Amino acid sequence: MADAIDELRQALAFALEKYPHQVELAEVSTLLLDSARESGKRPAYIKLAVPDETVKGLRGRNASADQLLLVRVPREMAERAASPIILPNEIR
């Protein structure tokens, strides 16, 4: 599983670096229809409204399809991205 996550991370980093305008981003809260916390009878869930093309590509196809990822960006990282201060470990 770790290898699959690393491959997804590498594909995402490559796409964002080389082809940023082809990557579609949407904040989950703007798509949210319903959500519930975990209970003893069921897992936590979120229900999202997405385009029909996205749904068609998720199930039933044997052919390869676009990858749809749910990525969490920690609040601290978003704050660091907006900060004018560059820390030593952020220099490339």
C-alpha atoms as a PDB file:
ATOM      1  CA  MET A   1       0.000   0.000   0.000  1.00  0.00           C
ATOM      2  CA  ALA A   2       2.847   2.390   0.797  1.00  0.00           C
ATOM      3  CA  ASP A   3       4.225   1.879  -2.724  1.00  0.00           C
ATOM      4  CA  ALA A   4       0.840   2.715  -4.257  1.00  0.00           C
ATOM      5  CA  ILE A   5       0.608   5.881  -2.147  1.00  0.00           C
ATOM      6  CA  ASP A   6       4.141   6.873  -3.173  1.00  0.00           C
ATOM      7  CA  GLU A   7       3.242   6.358  -6.840  1.00  0.00           C
ATOM      8  CA  LEU A   8       0.136   8.541  -6.436  1.00  0.00           C
ATOM      9  CA  ARG A   9       2.172  11.196  -4.627  1.00  0.00           C
ATOM     10  CA  GLN A  10       4.780  11.187  -7.412  1.00  0.00           C
ATOM     11  CA  ALA A  11       2.114  11.404 -10.125  1.00  0.00           C
ATOM     12  CA  LEU A  12       0.426  14.307  -8.325  1.00  0.00           C
ATOM     13  CA  ALA A  13       3.714  16.165  -7.775  1.00  0.00           C
ATOM     14  CA  PHE A  14       4.665  15.684 -11.449  1.00  0.00           C
ATOM     15  CA  ALA A  15       1.266  16.859 -12.698  1.00  0.00           C
ATOM     16  CA  LEU A  16       1.275  19.922 -10.430  1.00  0.00           C
ATOM     17  CA  GLU A  17       4.817  20.865 -11.429  1.00  0.00           C
ATOM     18  CA  LYS A  18       4.691  20.191 -15.175  1.00  0.00           C
ATOM     19  CA  TYR A  19       0.988  20.516 -16.084  1.00  0.00           C
ATOM     20  CA  PRO A  20      -0.690  22.570 -13.331  1.00  0.00           C
ATOM     21  CA  HIS A  21      -3.474  23.874 -15.583  1.00  0.00           C
ATOM     22  CA  GLN A  22      -4.604  20.348 -16.442  1.00  0.00           C
ATOM     23  CA  VAL A  23      -5.076  19.332 -12.802  1.00  0.00           C
ATOM     24  CA  GLU A  24      -8.610  19.965 -11.549  1.00  0.00           C
ATOM     25  CA  LEU A  25      -8.956  21.061  -7.950  1.00  0.00           C
ATOM     26  CA  ALA A  26     -12.079  21.576  -5.886  1.00  0.00           C
ATOM     27  CA  GLU A  27     -12.385  22.205  -2.188  1.00  0.00           C
ATOM     28  CA  VAL A  28     -14.423  19.367  -0.700  1.00  0.00           C
ATOM     29  CA  SER A  29     -16.533  21.739   1.389  1.00  0.00           C
ATOM     30  CA  THR A  30     -17.911  23.310  -1.819  1.00  0.00           C
ATOM     31  CA  LEU A  31     -19.072  19.876  -3.048  1.00  0.00           C
ATOM     32  CA  LEU A  32     -20.407  18.588   0.275  1.00  0.00           C
ATOM     33  CA  LEU A  33     -24.017  17.402   0.349  1.00  0.00           C
ATOM     34  CA  ASP A  34     -23.986  15.392   3.558  1.00  0.00           C
ATOM     35  CA  SER A  35     -21.589  14.027   6.145  1.00  0.00           C
ATOM     36  CA  ALA A  36     -21.668  12.010   9.339  1.00  0.00           C
ATOM     37  CA  ARG A  37     -19.207  11.129  12.042  1.00  0.00           C
ATOM     38  CA  GLU A  38     -18.338   7.509  12.768  1.00  0.00           C
ATOM     39  CA  SER A  39     -20.750   5.532  14.909  1.00  0.00           C
ATOM     40  CA  GLY A  40     -20.819   1.969  16.151  1.00  0.00           C
ATOM     41  CA  LYS A  41     -23.027   0.949  13.224  1.00  0.00           C
ATOM     42  CA  ARG A  42     -21.214   2.614  10.300  1.00  0.00           C
ATOM     43  CA  PRO A  43     -18.014   4.407   9.340  1.00  0.00           C
ATOM     44  CA  ALA A  44     -17.786   8.176   8.993  1.00  0.00           C
ATOM     45  CA  TYR A  45     -18.718   9.371   5.509  1.00  0.00           C
ATOM     46  CA  ILE A  46     -19.003  12.367   3.249  1.00  0.00           C
ATOM     47  CA  LYS A  47     -21.408  12.668   0.328  1.00  0.00           C
ATOM     48  CA  LEU A  48     -20.199  14.864  -2.542  1.00  0.00           C
ATOM     49  CA  ALA A  49     -21.841  16.371  -5.612  1.00  0.00           C
ATOM     50  CA  VAL A  50     -19.534  15.847  -8.601  1.00  0.00           C
ATOM     51  CA  PRO A  51     -19.996  15.940 -12.386  1.00  0.00           C
ATOM     52  CA  ASP A  52     -21.528  12.859 -13.997  1.00  0.00           C
ATOM     53  CA  GLU A  53     -18.340  12.185 -15.979  1.00  0.00           C
ATOM     54  CA  THR A  54     -16.472  11.819 -12.710  1.00  0.00           C
ATOM     55  CA  VAL A  55     -18.963   9.281 -11.406  1.00  0.00           C
ATOM     56  CA  LYS A  56     -18.933   7.259 -14.629  1.00  0.00           C
ATOM     57  CA  GLY A  57     -15.169   6.896 -14.370  1.00  0.00           C
ATOM     58  CA  LEU A  58     -15.172   5.528 -10.827  1.00  0.00           C
ATOM     59  CA  ARG A  59     -16.852   2.127 -11.228  1.00  0.00           C
ATOM     60  CA  GLY A  60     -17.391  -0.526 -13.826  1.00  0.00           C
ATOM     61  CA  ARG A  61     -14.617   0.314 -16.230  1.00  0.00           C
ATOM     62  CA  ASN A  62     -11.879  -2.171 -16.932  1.00  0.00           C
ATOM     63  CA  ALA A  63      -9.921   0.360 -18.975  1.00  0.00           C
ATOM     64  CA  SER A  64      -7.634   2.801 -17.229  1.00  0.00           C
ATOM     65  CA  ALA A  65      -9.245   6.048 -16.151  1.00  0.00           C
ATOM     66  CA  ASP A  66      -8.200   9.368 -14.690  1.00  0.00           C
ATOM     67  CA  GLN A  67      -7.213   9.215 -11.043  1.00  0.00           C
ATOM     68  CA  LEU A  68      -9.469  10.978  -8.576  1.00  0.00           C
ATOM     69  CA  LEU A  69      -7.652  11.723  -5.306  1.00  0.00           C
ATOM     70  CA  LEU A  70      -8.727  13.152  -1.999  1.00  0.00           C
ATOM     71  CA  VAL A  71      -5.758  15.135  -0.693  1.00  0.00           C
ATOM     72  CA  ARG A  72      -5.572  16.757   2.725  1.00  0.00           C
ATOM     73  CA  VAL A  73      -3.376  19.838   3.029  1.00  0.00           C
ATOM     74  CA  PRO A  74      -2.732  20.546   6.712  1.00  0.00           C
ATOM     75  CA  ARG A  75      -3.746  24.060   7.782  1.00  0.00           C
ATOM     76  CA  GLU A  76      -0.146  24.764   8.844  1.00  0.00           C
ATOM     77  CA  MET A  77       1.093  24.049   5.309  1.00  0.00           C
ATOM     78  CA  ALA A  78      -1.478  26.391   3.770  1.00  0.00           C
ATOM     79  CA  GLU A  79      -0.410  29.090   6.231  1.00  0.00           C
ATOM     80  CA  ARG A  80       3.252  28.487   5.359  1.00  0.00           C
ATOM     81  CA  ALA A  81       2.456  28.769   1.637  1.00  0.00           C
ATOM     82  CA  ALA A  82       0.892  32.201   2.225  1.00  0.00           C
ATOM     83  CA  SER A  83       3.745  33.432   4.436  1.00  0.00           C
ATOM     84  CA  PRO A  84       6.419  35.763   2.990  1.00  0.00           C
ATOM     85  CA  ILE A  85       8.981  34.159   5.319  1.00  0.00           C
ATOM     86  CA  ILE A  86      10.996  31.309   3.800  1.00  0.00           C
ATOM     87  CA  LEU A  87      12.346  28.746   6.247  1.00  0.00           C
ATOM     88  CA  PRO A  88      15.692  26.982   5.574  1.00  0.00           C
ATOM     89  CA  ASN A  89      14.050  23.621   4.808  1.00  0.00           C
ATOM     90  CA  GLU A  90      11.776  25.305   2.199  1.00  0.00           C
ATOM     91  CA  ILE A  91      14.656  26.414  -0.054  1.00  0.00           C
ATOM     92  CA  ARG A  92      15.137  24.321  -3.170  1.00  0.00           C
END
